[in-house]
C-alpha atoms as a PDB file:
ATOM      1  CA  MET A   1     -31.045  28.706 -60.650  1.00  0.00           C
ATOM      2  CA  ARG A   2     -32.034  30.635 -57.513  1.00  0.00           C
ATOM      3  CA  LYS A   3     -33.622  27.492 -56.065  1.00  0.00           C
ATOM      4  CA  THR A   4     -30.368  25.582 -56.648  1.00  0.00           C
ATOM      5  CA  GLN A   5     -28.286  28.315 -54.973  1.00  0.00           C
ATOM      6  CA  GLY A   6     -30.746  28.455 -52.089  1.00  0.00           C
ATOM      7  CA  GLY A   7     -30.495  24.708 -51.631  1.00  0.00           C
ATOM      8  CA  GLN A   8     -26.682  24.875 -51.615  1.00  0.00           C
ATOM      9  CA  ILE A   9     -26.708  27.664 -49.039  1.00  0.00           C
ATOM     10  CA  ALA A  10     -29.070  25.686 -46.825  1.00  0.00           C
ATOM     11  CA  LEU A  11     -26.817  22.633 -47.125  1.00  0.00           C
ATOM     12  CA  ILE A  12     -23.734  24.677 -46.205  1.00  0.00           C
ATOM     13  CA  VAL A  13     -25.525  26.165 -43.204  1.00  0.00           C
ATOM     14  CA  LEU A  14     -26.604  22.686 -42.141  1.00  0.00           C
ATOM     15  CA  LEU A  15     -23.049  21.370 -42.447  1.00  0.00           C
ATOM     16  CA  ILE A  16     -21.723  24.290 -40.410  1.00  0.00           C
ATOM     17  CA  MET A  17     -24.301  23.608 -37.710  1.00  0.00           C
ATOM     18  CA  VAL A  18     -23.365  19.903 -37.648  1.00  0.00           C
ATOM     19  CA  VAL A  19     -19.659  20.757 -37.319  1.00  0.00           C
ATOM     20  CA  MET A  20     -20.348  23.256 -34.538  1.00  0.00           C
ATOM     21  CA  LEU A  21     -22.554  20.754 -32.738  1.00  0.00           C
ATOM     22  CA  THR A  22     -19.853  18.080 -33.031  1.00  0.00           C
ATOM     23  CA  VAL A  23     -17.202  20.454 -31.683  1.00  0.00           C
ATOM     24  CA  GLY A  24     -19.496  21.484 -28.846  1.00  0.00           C
ATOM     25  CA  ILE A  25     -20.187  17.882 -27.865  1.00  0.00           C
ATOM     26  CA  SER A  26     -16.447  17.079 -28.005  1.00  0.00           C
ATOM     27  CA  VAL A  27     -15.589  20.041 -25.760  1.00  0.00           C
ATOM     28  CA  ALA A  28     -18.342  19.080 -23.324  1.00  0.00           C
ATOM     29  CA  GLN A  29     -17.149  15.462 -23.196  1.00  0.00           C
ATOM     30  CA  ARG A  30     -13.573  16.596 -22.634  1.00  0.00           C
ATOM     31  CA  GLY A  31     -14.756  18.815 -19.821  1.00  0.00           C
ATOM     32  CA  LEU A  32     -16.620  15.917 -18.227  1.00  0.00           C
ATOM     33  CA  VAL A  33     -13.529  13.692 -18.516  1.00  0.00           C
ATOM     34  CA  ASP A  34     -11.358  16.399 -16.907  1.00  0.00           C
ATOM     35  CA  VAL A  35     -13.847  16.785 -14.062  1.00  0.00           C
ATOM     36  CA  ARG A  36     -13.982  13.010 -13.580  1.00  0.00           C
ATOM     37  CA  LEU A  37     -10.170  12.695 -13.550  1.00  0.00           C
ATOM     38  CA  SER A  38      -9.886  15.591 -11.121  1.00  0.00           C
ATOM     39  CA  GLN A  39     -12.417  13.937  -8.808  1.00  0.00           C
ATOM     40  CA  GLN A  40     -10.574  10.613  -9.009  1.00  0.00           C
ATOM     41  CA  GLU A  41      -7.275  12.298  -8.143  1.00  0.00           C
ATOM     42  CA  GLU A  42      -8.894  14.035  -5.193  1.00  0.00           C
ATOM     43  CA  ASP A  43     -10.490  10.790  -3.975  1.00  0.00           C
ATOM     44  CA  SER A  44      -7.175   8.960  -4.385  1.00  0.00           C
ATOM     45  CA  ALA A  45      -5.337  11.598  -2.335  1.00  0.00           C
ATOM     46  CA  ARG A  46      -7.950  11.462   0.436  1.00  0.00           C
ATOM     47  CA  ALA A  47      -7.857   7.649   0.519  1.00  0.00           C
ATOM     48  CA  PHE A  48      -4.057   7.742   0.772  1.00  0.00           C
ATOM     49  CA  GLN A  49      -4.192  10.314   3.574  1.00  0.00           C
ATOM     50  CA  ALA A  50      -6.682   8.123   5.429  1.00  0.00           C
ATOM     51  CA  ALA A  51      -4.358   5.114   5.078  1.00  0.00           C
ATOM     52  CA  GLU A  52      -1.471   7.194   6.455  1.00  0.00           C
ATOM     53  CA  ALA A  53      -3.645   8.306   9.376  1.00  0.00           C
ATOM     54  CA  GLY A  54      -4.341   4.640  10.118  1.00  0.00           C
ATOM     55  CA  ILE A  55      -0.594   3.906  10.133  1.00  0.00           C
ATOM     56  CA  GLU A  56       0.083   6.729  12.592  1.00  0.00           C
ATOM     57  CA  GLN A  57      -2.720   5.572  14.873  1.00  0.00           C
ATOM     58  CA  ALA A  58      -1.537   1.954  14.837  1.00  0.00           C
ATOM     59  CA  LEU A  59       2.095   2.843  15.546  1.00  0.00           C
ATOM     60  CA  SER A  60       1.101   5.037  18.485  1.00  0.00           C
ATOM     61  CA  THR A  61      -1.180   2.414  20.066  1.00  0.00           C
ATOM     62  CA  LEU A  62       0.288  -0.826  18.617  1.00  0.00           C
ATOM     63  CA  ALA A  63      -3.273  -1.946  17.894  1.00  0.00           C
ATOM     64  CA  GLY A  64      -5.291  -2.452  14.727  1.00  0.00           C
ATOM     65  CA  GLY A  65      -8.848  -1.339  14.070  1.00  0.00           C
ATOM     66  CA  GLU A  66     -10.999   0.989  11.999  1.00  0.00           C
ATOM     67  CA  GLY A  67     -11.557   4.722  12.033  1.00  0.00           C
ATOM     68  CA  GLU A  68     -12.986   7.725  10.209  1.00  0.00           C
ATOM     69  CA  PHE A  69     -10.904  10.322   8.402  1.00  0.00           C
ATOM     70  CA  GLY A  70     -13.119  13.238   7.503  1.00  0.00           C
ATOM     71  CA  GLU A  71     -16.759  12.981   6.499  1.00  0.00           C
ATOM     72  CA  ASP A  72     -16.588  10.405   3.709  1.00  0.00           C
ATOM     73  CA  THR A  73     -13.247   8.614   4.152  1.00  0.00           C
ATOM     74  CA  SER A  74     -12.281   5.778   6.485  1.00  0.00           C
ATOM     75  CA  TYR A  75      -9.350   3.464   7.187  1.00  0.00           C
ATOM     76  CA  LYS A  76      -8.880  -0.104   8.326  1.00  0.00           C
ATOM     77  CA  VAL A  77      -5.644  -1.239   9.967  1.00  0.00           C
ATOM     78  CA  SER A  78      -4.167  -4.628  10.807  1.00  0.00           C
ATOM     79  CA  ILE A  79      -1.000  -5.055  12.836  1.00  0.00           C
ATOM     80  CA  GLY A  80       1.207  -8.052  13.447  1.00  0.00           C
ATOM     81  CA  GLN A  81       4.696  -9.128  14.403  1.00  0.00           C
ATOM     82  CA  SER A  82       6.994 -11.031  12.095  1.00  0.00           C
ATOM     83  CA  GLY A  83      10.594 -11.953  11.320  1.00  0.00           C
ATOM     84  CA  GLY A  84      10.718 -15.113  13.427  1.00  0.00           C
ATOM     85  CA  GLU A  85      11.516 -17.380  10.485  1.00  0.00           C
ATOM     86  CA  GLY A  86      14.177 -15.017   9.196  1.00  0.00           C
ATOM     87  CA  PHE A  87      14.051 -11.607   7.570  1.00  0.00           C
ATOM     88  CA  THR A  88      15.834  -9.116   5.355  1.00  0.00           C
ATOM     89  CA  THR A  89      16.025  -5.351   5.676  1.00  0.00           C
ATOM     90  CA  ASP A  90      14.048  -3.315   3.144  1.00  0.00           C
ATOM     91  CA  GLN A  91      16.727  -0.644   2.886  1.00  0.00           C
ATOM     92  CA  PRO A  92      20.517  -0.754   3.271  1.00  0.00           C
ATOM     93  CA  ILE A  93      21.899  -0.283   6.771  1.00  0.00           C
ATOM     94  CA  LEU A  94      24.360   2.593   6.574  1.00  0.00           C
ATOM     95  CA  ALA A  95      28.013   2.055   7.442  1.00  0.00           C
ATOM     96  CA  GLY A  96      28.411   2.536  11.185  1.00  0.00           C
ATOM     97  CA  GLU A  97      24.703   2.025  11.861  1.00  0.00           C
ATOM     98  CA  MET A  98      23.413  -1.101  13.588  1.00  0.00           C
ATOM     99  CA  LEU A  99      20.760  -3.795  13.168  1.00  0.00           C
ATOM    100  CA  LYS A 100      19.585  -5.531  16.330  1.00  0.00           C
ATOM    101  CA  VAL A 101      18.481  -9.177  16.363  1.00  0.00           C
ATOM    102  CA  SER A 102      16.847 -10.243  19.625  1.00  0.00           C
ATOM    103  CA  LEU A 103      17.366 -13.835  20.758  1.00  0.00           C
ATOM    104  CA  GLU A 104      15.415 -13.912  24.027  1.00  0.00           C
ATOM    105  CA  GLY A 105      12.248 -15.909  23.503  1.00  0.00           C
ATOM    106  CA  SER A 106      13.559 -17.763  20.452  1.00  0.00           C
ATOM    107  CA  SER A 107      13.044 -21.522  20.069  1.00  0.00           C
ATOM    108  CA  THR A 108      15.205 -23.695  22.320  1.00  0.00           C
ATOM    109  CA  ASN A 109      16.805 -25.473  19.347  1.00  0.00           C
ATOM    110  CA  LEU A 110      18.315 -22.254  17.978  1.00  0.00           C
ATOM    111  CA  ASN A 111      22.063 -22.877  17.740  1.00  0.00           C
ATOM    112  CA  GLY A 112      23.162 -20.339  15.158  1.00  0.00           C
ATOM    113  CA  VAL A 113      22.265 -17.616  12.685  1.00  0.00           C
ATOM    114  CA  THR A 114      23.405 -17.078   9.122  1.00  0.00           C
ATOM    115  CA  VAL A 115      23.986 -13.415   8.343  1.00  0.00           C
ATOM    116  CA  TYR A 116      23.722 -12.408   4.693  1.00  0.00           C
ATOM    117  CA  PHE A 117      25.022  -9.029   3.560  1.00  0.00           C
ATOM    118  CA  MET A 118      25.180  -6.942   0.362  1.00  0.00           C
ATOM    119  CA  GLU A 119      22.269  -7.605  -1.997  1.00  0.00           C
ATOM    120  CA  LYS A 120      23.452  -8.235  -5.527  1.00  0.00           C
ATOM    121  CA  GLY A 121      22.441  -5.484  -7.957  1.00  0.00           C
ATOM    122  CA  LYS A 122      21.683  -2.978  -5.173  1.00  0.00           C
ATOM    123  CA  ASP A 123      24.790  -2.868  -2.998  1.00  0.00           C
ATOM    124  CA  ASP A 124      28.410  -2.400  -4.067  1.00  0.00           C
ATOM    125  CA  CYS A 125      29.840  -5.923  -4.017  1.00  0.00           C
ATOM    126  CA  ASP A 126      32.993  -5.176  -6.043  1.00  0.00           C
ATOM    127  CA  VAL A 127      34.555  -1.702  -5.865  1.00  0.00           C
ATOM    128  CA  ASN A 128      34.012  -0.887  -2.180  1.00  0.00           C
ATOM    129  CA  PRO A 129      32.182  -3.858  -0.630  1.00  0.00           C
ATOM    130  CA  ALA A 130      30.776  -3.634   2.864  1.00  0.00           C
ATOM    131  CA  ALA A 131      32.180  -5.681   5.716  1.00  0.00           C
ATOM    132  CA  ILE A 132      30.217  -6.447   8.879  1.00  0.00           C
ATOM    133  CA  GLU A 133      30.986  -6.415  12.579  1.00  0.00           C
ATOM    134  CA  VAL A 134      28.825  -8.796  14.604  1.00  0.00           C
ATOM    135  CA  SER A 135      28.527  -8.317  18.367  1.00  0.00           C
ATOM    136  CA  VAL A 136      26.840 -11.001  20.460  1.00  0.00           C
ATOM    137  CA  VAL A 137      25.629  -9.922  23.906  1.00  0.00           C
ATOM    138  CA  TYR A 138      25.479 -12.888  26.273  1.00  0.00           C
ATOM    139  CA  ASN A 139      24.909 -13.609  29.935  1.00  0.00           C
ATOM    140  CA  PRO A 140      26.701 -16.727  31.202  1.00  0.00           C
ATOM    141  CA  GLY A 141      25.928 -15.965  34.838  1.00  0.00           C
ATOM    142  CA  SER A 142      25.986 -12.774  36.848  1.00  0.00           C
ATOM    143  CA  ASP A 143      27.998 -10.792  34.288  1.00  0.00           C
ATOM    144  CA  TRP A 144      26.994  -9.497  30.865  1.00  0.00           C
ATOM    145  CA  ARG A 145      29.585 -10.040  28.181  1.00  0.00           C
ATOM    146  CA  VAL A 146      30.126  -9.223  24.510  1.00  0.00           C
ATOM    147  CA  ARG A 147      31.990 -11.239  21.907  1.00  0.00           C
ATOM    148  CA  ARG A 148      32.693  -9.853  18.467  1.00  0.00           C
ATOM    149  CA  GLY A 149      33.529 -11.055  14.990  1.00  0.00           C
ATOM    150  CA  THR A 150      34.294  -9.158  11.788  1.00  0.00           C
ATOM    151  CA  PHE A 151      33.749 -10.489   8.266  1.00  0.00           C
ATOM    152  CA  ASP A 152      34.873  -9.118   4.901  1.00  0.00           C
ATOM    153  CA  VAL A 153      35.052 -10.372   1.304  1.00  0.00           C
ATOM    154  CA  ALA A 154      38.084  -8.086   0.835  1.00  0.00           C
ATOM    155  CA  ALA A 155      39.872  -8.730   4.128  1.00  0.00           C
ATOM    156  CA  VAL A 156      43.154  -9.765   2.486  1.00  0.00           C
ATOM    157  CA  SER A 157      43.365  -6.803   0.101  1.00  0.00           C
ATOM    158  CA  ARG A 158      42.402  -4.387   2.878  1.00  0.00           C
ATOM    159  CA  GLY A 159      44.747  -5.944   5.409  1.00  0.00           C
ATOM    160  CA  ASN A 160      42.261  -5.365   8.226  1.00  0.00           C
ATOM    161  CA  SER A 161      42.657  -8.762   9.958  1.00  0.00           C
ATOM    162  CA  PHE A 162      38.934  -9.476   9.489  1.00  0.00           C
ATOM    163  CA  THR A 163      37.741 -12.998   8.747  1.00  0.00           C
ATOM    164  CA  GLU A 164      37.746 -13.426   4.965  1.00  0.00           C
ATOM    165  CA  VAL A 165      34.443 -14.727   3.576  1.00  0.00           C
ATOM    166  CA  THR A 166      33.873 -15.950   0.040  1.00  0.00           C
ATOM    167  CA  LYS A 167      32.023 -13.668  -2.339  1.00  0.00           C
ATOM    168  CA  GLY A 168      29.297 -15.522  -4.231  1.00  0.00           C
ATOM    169  CA  ASN A 169      25.578 -15.764  -4.971  1.00  0.00           C
ATOM    170  CA  TYR A 170      23.583 -16.650  -1.858  1.00  0.00           C
ATOM    171  CA  ASP A 171      19.794 -16.775  -2.236  1.00  0.00           C
ATOM    172  CA  PHE A 172      17.600 -15.937   0.743  1.00  0.00           C
ATOM    173  CA  LEU A 173      13.953 -14.812   0.904  1.00  0.00           C
ATOM    174  CA  GLY A 174      13.817 -13.760  -2.737  1.00  0.00           C
ATOM    175  CA  LYS A 175      17.082 -11.822  -2.685  1.00  0.00           C
ATOM    176  CA  THR A 176      20.573 -12.761  -3.857  1.00  0.00           C
ATOM    177  CA  PHE A 177      23.366 -11.721  -1.513  1.00  0.00           C
ATOM    178  CA  CYS A 178      27.073 -11.400  -2.246  1.00  0.00           C
ATOM    179  CA  ALA A 179      28.327 -12.676   1.121  1.00  0.00           C
ATOM    180  CA  GLN A 180      27.305 -14.673   4.162  1.00  0.00           C
ATOM    181  CA  SER A 181      28.651 -15.960   7.449  1.00  0.00           C
ATOM    182  CA  THR A 182      27.145 -18.456   9.888  1.00  0.00           C
ATOM    183  CA  LEU A 183      27.591 -17.782  13.601  1.00  0.00           C
ATOM    184  CA  THR A 184      27.267 -20.306  16.408  1.00  0.00           C
ATOM    185  CA  MET A 185      24.836 -19.321  19.154  1.00  0.00           C
ATOM    186  CA  LEU A 186      24.768 -20.544  22.755  1.00  0.00           C
ATOM    187  CA  PRO A 187      21.128 -21.389  23.642  1.00  0.00           C
ATOM    188  CA  GLY A 188      19.982 -19.842  26.910  1.00  0.00           C
ATOM    189  CA  THR A 189      23.087 -17.669  27.139  1.00  0.00           C
ATOM    190  CA  ASP A 190      23.182 -15.448  24.055  1.00  0.00           C
ATOM    191  CA  ARG A 191      20.662 -12.608  24.309  1.00  0.00           C
ATOM    192  CA  GLU A 192      21.175 -10.347  21.333  1.00  0.00           C
ATOM    193  CA  VAL A 193      23.073 -10.005  18.058  1.00  0.00           C
ATOM    194  CA  ARG A 194      24.086  -6.556  16.802  1.00  0.00           C
ATOM    195  CA  ILE A 195      25.157  -6.318  13.149  1.00  0.00           C
ATOM    196  CA  LYS A 196      27.015  -3.256  11.898  1.00  0.00           C
ATOM    197  CA  PRO A 197      28.112  -2.691   8.266  1.00  0.00           C
ATOM    198  CA  LEU A 198      31.560  -1.171   7.802  1.00  0.00           C
ATOM    199  CA  TYR A 199      33.143   0.616   4.800  1.00  0.00           C
ATOM    200  CA  ASN A 200      29.796   0.843   2.985  1.00  0.00           C
ATOM    201  CA  ALA A 201      26.043   0.409   3.392  1.00  0.00           C
ATOM    202  CA  ALA A 202      24.514  -3.047   3.003  1.00  0.00           C
ATOM    203  CA  ILE A 203      21.161  -4.788   2.962  1.00  0.00           C
ATOM    204  CA  ILE A 204      21.197  -7.485   5.656  1.00  0.00           C
ATOM    205  CA  GLY A 205      19.449 -10.856   5.925  1.00  0.00           C
ATOM    206  CA  VAL A 206      19.227 -13.020   9.050  1.00  0.00           C
ATOM    207  CA  ASP A 207      18.353 -16.735   8.956  1.00  0.00           C
ATOM    208  CA  PRO A 208      17.975 -18.785  12.188  1.00  0.00           C
ATOM    209  CA  ARG A 209      19.697 -22.165  12.242  1.00  0.00           C
ATOM    210  CA  PRO A 210      18.860 -25.028  11.996  1.00  0.00           C
ATOM    211  CA  ASP A 211      16.074 -24.815   9.413  1.00  0.00           C
ATOM    212  CA  ASN A 212      13.275 -25.412  11.935  1.00  0.00           C
ATOM    213  CA  ALA A 213      14.591 -22.909  14.484  1.00  0.00           C
ATOM    214  CA  ILE A 214      12.491 -19.809  15.149  1.00  0.00           C
ATOM    215  CA  LEU A 215      13.619 -16.387  16.313  1.00  0.00           C
ATOM    216  CA  VAL A 216      11.483 -14.225  18.529  1.00  0.00           C
ATOM    217  CA  ASN A 217       9.530 -11.789  16.312  1.00  0.00           C
ATOM    218  CA  GLN A 218      11.837  -8.999  15.197  1.00  0.00           C
ATOM    219  CA  TYR A 219       9.557  -6.238  13.942  1.00  0.00           C
ATOM    220  CA  VAL A 220       6.024  -4.891  13.833  1.00  0.00           C
ATOM    221  CA  GLU A 221       4.290  -4.817  10.440  1.00  0.00           C
ATOM    222  CA  VAL A 222       1.313  -2.511   9.869  1.00  0.00           C
ATOM    223  CA  ASP A 223      -1.071  -2.685   6.890  1.00  0.00           C
ATOM    224  CA  SER A 224      -3.530   0.181   6.443  1.00  0.00           C
ATOM    225  CA  THR A 225      -6.203   0.672   3.767  1.00  0.00           C
ATOM    226  CA  GLY A 226      -7.959   3.994   3.216  1.00  0.00           C
ATOM    227  CA  GLN A 227     -11.290   4.106   1.374  1.00  0.00           C
ATOM    228  CA  THR A 228     -13.671   6.833   0.217  1.00  0.00           C
ATOM    229  CA  THR A 229     -17.447   6.445   0.032  1.00  0.00           C
ATOM    230  CA  GLY A 230     -16.993   6.456  -3.744  1.00  0.00           C
ATOM    231  CA  GLY A 231     -15.073   3.192  -3.536  1.00  0.00           C
ATOM    232  CA  VAL A 232     -11.522   4.486  -4.136  1.00  0.00           C
ATOM    233  CA  THR A 233      -9.008   2.567  -1.974  1.00  0.00           C
ATOM    234  CA  ARG A 234      -5.306   3.033  -1.291  1.00  0.00           C
ATOM    235  CA  ALA A 235      -3.055   0.826   0.852  1.00  0.00           C
ATOM    236  CA  VAL A 236       0.102   1.572   2.852  1.00  0.00           C
ATOM    237  CA  GLN A 237       2.423  -0.914   4.578  1.00  0.00           C
ATOM    238  CA  VAL A 238       5.022   0.035   7.190  1.00  0.00           C
ATOM    239  CA  ARG A 239       7.546  -2.057   9.106  1.00  0.00           C
ATOM    240  CA  ARG A 240       8.960  -0.861  12.427  1.00  0.00           C
ATOM    241  CA  ASN A 241      11.902  -2.619  14.019  1.00  0.00           C
ATOM    242  CA  LEU A 242      12.080  -3.345  17.718  1.00  0.00           C
ATOM    243  CA  PRO A 243      13.522  -0.557  19.911  1.00  0.00           C
ATOM    244  CA  GLU A 244      17.312  -0.592  20.022  1.00  0.00           C
ATOM    245  CA  LEU A 245      20.193   1.351  21.496  1.00  0.00           C
ATOM    246  CA  PRO A 246      22.296   3.498  19.136  1.00  0.00           C
ATOM    247  CA  SER A 247      25.440   1.821  17.803  1.00  0.00           C
ATOM    248  CA  ILE A 248      27.655   4.025  20.001  1.00  0.00           C
ATOM    249  CA  PHE A 249      26.516   1.943  22.979  1.00  0.00           C
ATOM    250  CA  ASP A 250      28.446  -1.006  21.537  1.00  0.00           C
ATOM    251  CA  TYR A 251      31.508   0.769  22.936  1.00  0.00           C
ATOM    252  CA  ALA A 252      30.014   2.405  26.035  1.00  0.00           C
ATOM    253  CA  VAL A 253      27.602   0.146  27.906  1.00  0.00           C
ATOM    254  CA  PHE A 254      26.488   0.761  31.485  1.00  0.00           C
ATOM    255  CA  SER A 255      24.845  -1.790  33.737  1.00  0.00           C
ATOM    256  CA  GLY A 256      24.032  -2.420  37.351  1.00  0.00           C
ATOM    257  CA  ALA A 257      26.165  -5.543  37.076  1.00  0.00           C
ATOM    258  CA  GLY A 258      29.597  -5.995  35.578  1.00  0.00           C
ATOM    259  CA  ILE A 259      30.304  -5.852  31.843  1.00  0.00           C
ATOM    260  CA  VAL A 260      33.105  -8.110  30.673  1.00  0.00           C
ATOM    261  CA  LYS A 261      34.523  -7.979  27.160  1.00  0.00           C
ATOM    262  CA  GLY A 262      34.473 -11.428  25.593  1.00  0.00           C
ATOM    263  CA  GLU A 263      36.726 -12.995  23.029  1.00  0.00           C
END
């Protein structure tokens, strides 16, 4: 009887030891996982910071390249210009703000641009749709002139005397816009197009016409990748538009030559 009880006690002790060992291993594994996740988060943050440092360096010098960020983190940056075959804005242009489209240096066959505005599903196309004012700066001779046009899908209901454009579904560069208007350009004379949303913000798209026409590049695009020695990488992309005057200068422009208001 005593031998049986002794055997049972030994078995219980053994089971308790197995359970404690299992719990100990589980806690140790969980601790290792937590340490590993913490290290990965730290490496990810450092790689992202390195990528951001590469962006700042590229924007200040307008040049790509490689560099070190700390002891065990580096970045690699490439920089290029784009927008010549048409482009869309990443974010809405606020009402009263302005988007500049440069024409100098564009292909000689450029005879127009189609302006798309209000991306479907992101901008308000129904309740309070945006209108746009388009100013074209041109130089027919010794004088600089500006001609303007205004376009609105709700021109009649608003009674603003803008040109009424048809609301619809207009696909361009992977986005669907609610409105568009095509403007005629004068090659060799028109220098710049300035597009300003009114009433509401709007995402804008610009397409050179005809199909094979090319605009001068409209923005600088920077791609930066940060990497740790442990192999963790993070990438950042930034687009910077060409320098432009604030929209207030559409109404107060100074020049060494004369400024004549166009049609």
